[in-house]
């Protein structure tokens, strides 16, 4: 028996965790969430993304770099214009993680509700 396949699987899982951490860290900023919201309607230039935000164009560029580094968006420069697009697969991975957690908690709460319903005595029966 070799431990190589297990090591490979563990490394893969840890990399996925790091990727997910970067996505949630990027989404923790309201300005970056606003940019993602705008890009969900279609591609936009960095200038378009900056328009509704109360920050400098340089700050917006830094936020775009964070979003790009974690894979939430992709950008392409044509001439002097950098156009950004959202990467749905990365958003779907975060959505999948949240959905798994929600499902697990819903099952736990359903079991708790069933347990409480089965074990709760009628309050009138307990009176002396």
Protein backbone atom coordinates (compact mmCIF):
# COMPACT_ATOMS: atom_id res chain seq x y z
CA UNK A 1 0.00 0.00 0.00
CA UNK A 2 1.18 3.51 -0.79
CA UNK A 3 0.16 6.77 0.77
CA UNK A 4 0.66 8.72 -2.45
CA UNK A 5 -3.03 8.79 -3.55
CA UNK A 6 -4.17 9.93 -0.10
CA UNK A 7 -1.54 12.67 -0.06
CA UNK A 8 -2.72 13.82 -3.50
CA UNK A 9 -6.35 13.91 -2.39
CA UNK A 10 -5.48 15.81 0.78
CA UNK A 11 -3.45 18.35 -1.19
CA UNK A 12 -6.38 18.78 -3.62
CA UNK A 13 -8.87 19.33 -0.77
CA UNK A 14 -6.56 21.82 0.96
CA UNK A 15 -6.12 23.74 -2.29
CA UNK A 16 -9.88 23.88 -2.73
CA UNK A 17 -10.20 25.24 0.81
CA UNK A 18 -7.60 27.93 0.13
CA UNK A 19 -9.38 28.89 -3.10
CA UNK A 20 -12.71 29.12 -1.30
CA UNK A 21 -11.13 31.20 1.47
CA UNK A 22 -9.86 33.68 -1.12
CA UNK A 23 -13.31 33.89 -2.74
CA UNK A 24 -15.04 34.64 0.56
CA UNK A 25 -12.33 37.11 1.52
CA UNK A 26 -12.83 38.92 -1.79
CA UNK A 27 -16.61 38.91 -1.34
CA UNK A 28 -16.28 40.33 2.19
CA UNK A 29 -15.76 43.81 0.74
CA UNK A 30 -18.98 45.68 -0.19
CA UNK A 31 -17.33 47.48 -3.11
CA UNK A 32 -16.16 44.21 -4.63
CA UNK A 33 -19.62 42.69 -4.13
CA UNK A 34 -21.07 45.70 -5.96
CA UNK A 35 -18.62 45.10 -8.82
CA UNK A 36 -19.65 41.43 -9.03
CA UNK A 37 -23.30 42.48 -9.00
CA UNK A 38 -22.67 44.84 -11.91
CA UNK A 39 -20.70 42.21 -13.83
CA UNK A 40 -23.51 39.70 -13.38
CA UNK A 41 -25.44 41.82 -15.90
CA UNK A 42 -22.61 41.61 -18.46
CA UNK A 43 -19.05 42.71 -19.18
CA UNK A 44 -17.93 46.17 -18.04
CA UNK A 45 -14.83 48.30 -18.25
CA UNK A 46 -12.93 49.21 -15.10
CA UNK A 47 -14.15 52.80 -15.60
CA UNK A 48 -17.76 51.58 -15.66
CA UNK A 49 -17.17 49.59 -12.48
CA UNK A 50 -15.65 52.67 -10.83
CA UNK A 51 -18.48 55.05 -11.74
CA UNK A 52 -20.91 54.26 -8.87
CA UNK A 53 -18.18 53.73 -6.27
CA UNK A 54 -16.84 56.42 -3.95
CA UNK A 55 -13.18 55.57 -4.56
CA UNK A 56 -10.36 56.44 -6.93
CA UNK A 57 -9.80 54.59 -10.17
CA UNK A 58 -6.52 53.27 -8.71
CA UNK A 59 -8.42 51.77 -5.77
CA UNK A 60 -10.92 50.16 -8.15
CA UNK A 61 -8.03 48.65 -10.12
CA UNK A 62 -6.69 47.12 -6.89
CA UNK A 63 -10.13 45.64 -6.13
CA UNK A 64 -10.32 44.25 -9.66
CA UNK A 65 -6.92 42.61 -9.11
CA UNK A 66 -8.20 40.95 -5.91
CA UNK A 67 -11.29 39.65 -7.73
CA UNK A 68 -9.17 38.41 -10.58
CA UNK A 69 -6.61 36.72 -8.29
CA UNK A 70 -9.30 34.59 -6.64
CA UNK A 71 -10.91 33.73 -9.97
CA UNK A 72 -14.19 35.60 -9.54
CA UNK A 73 -13.59 37.74 -12.61
CA UNK A 74 -11.47 37.76 -15.72
CA UNK A 75 -10.23 40.86 -17.49
CA UNK A 76 -8.90 41.57 -20.93
CA UNK A 77 -7.15 44.70 -22.11
CA UNK A 78 -7.86 45.95 -25.61
CA UNK A 79 -6.10 49.19 -26.38
CA UNK A 80 -6.50 51.43 -23.34
CA UNK A 81 -9.65 49.74 -22.06
CA UNK A 82 -9.66 46.84 -19.59
CA UNK A 83 -12.95 44.93 -19.76
CA UNK A 84 -14.00 42.60 -16.95
CA UNK A 85 -16.34 39.61 -17.00
CA UNK A 86 -17.61 37.47 -14.15
CA UNK A 87 -16.51 33.83 -13.84
CA UNK A 88 -19.71 31.93 -12.94
CA UNK A 89 -17.90 28.67 -12.07
CA UNK A 90 -16.08 30.34 -9.17
CA UNK A 91 -19.32 31.81 -7.84
CA UNK A 92 -20.94 28.40 -8.20
CA UNK A 93 -18.24 26.78 -6.07
CA UNK A 94 -18.98 29.24 -3.24
CA UNK A 95 -22.71 28.72 -3.72
CA UNK A 96 -22.21 24.94 -3.60
CA UNK A 97 -20.28 25.21 -0.31
CA UNK A 98 -23.02 27.36 1.24
CA UNK A 99 -25.76 25.02 -0.02
CA UNK A 100 -24.03 21.99 1.51
CA UNK A 101 -23.82 23.72 4.89
CA UNK A 102 -27.43 24.91 4.73
CA UNK A 103 -28.67 21.42 3.84
CA UNK A 104 -26.73 19.88 6.72
CA UNK A 105 -28.17 22.40 9.20
CA UNK A 106 -31.70 21.95 7.85
CA UNK A 107 -31.41 18.18 8.35
CA UNK A 108 -30.10 18.70 11.90
CA UNK A 109 -32.88 21.12 12.74
CA UNK A 110 -35.49 18.77 11.25
CA UNK A 111 -34.15 15.92 13.42
CA UNK A 112 -34.23 18.20 16.47
CA UNK A 113 -37.81 19.22 15.68
CA UNK A 114 -38.84 15.57 15.32
CA UNK A 115 -37.09 14.67 18.56
CA UNK A 116 -38.73 17.54 20.44
CA UNK A 117 -42.14 16.67 19.02
CA UNK A 118 -41.74 13.03 20.13
CA UNK A 119 -40.41 13.78 23.61
CA UNK A 120 -42.49 16.78 24.61
CA UNK A 121 -45.08 15.80 27.18
CA UNK A 122 -48.47 17.40 27.35
CA UNK A 123 -48.06 20.16 30.00
CA UNK A 124 -51.47 19.27 31.47
CA UNK A 125 -50.30 15.69 32.24
CA UNK A 126 -47.46 16.88 34.47
CA UNK A 127 -49.63 18.88 36.90
CA UNK A 128 -50.04 17.33 40.36
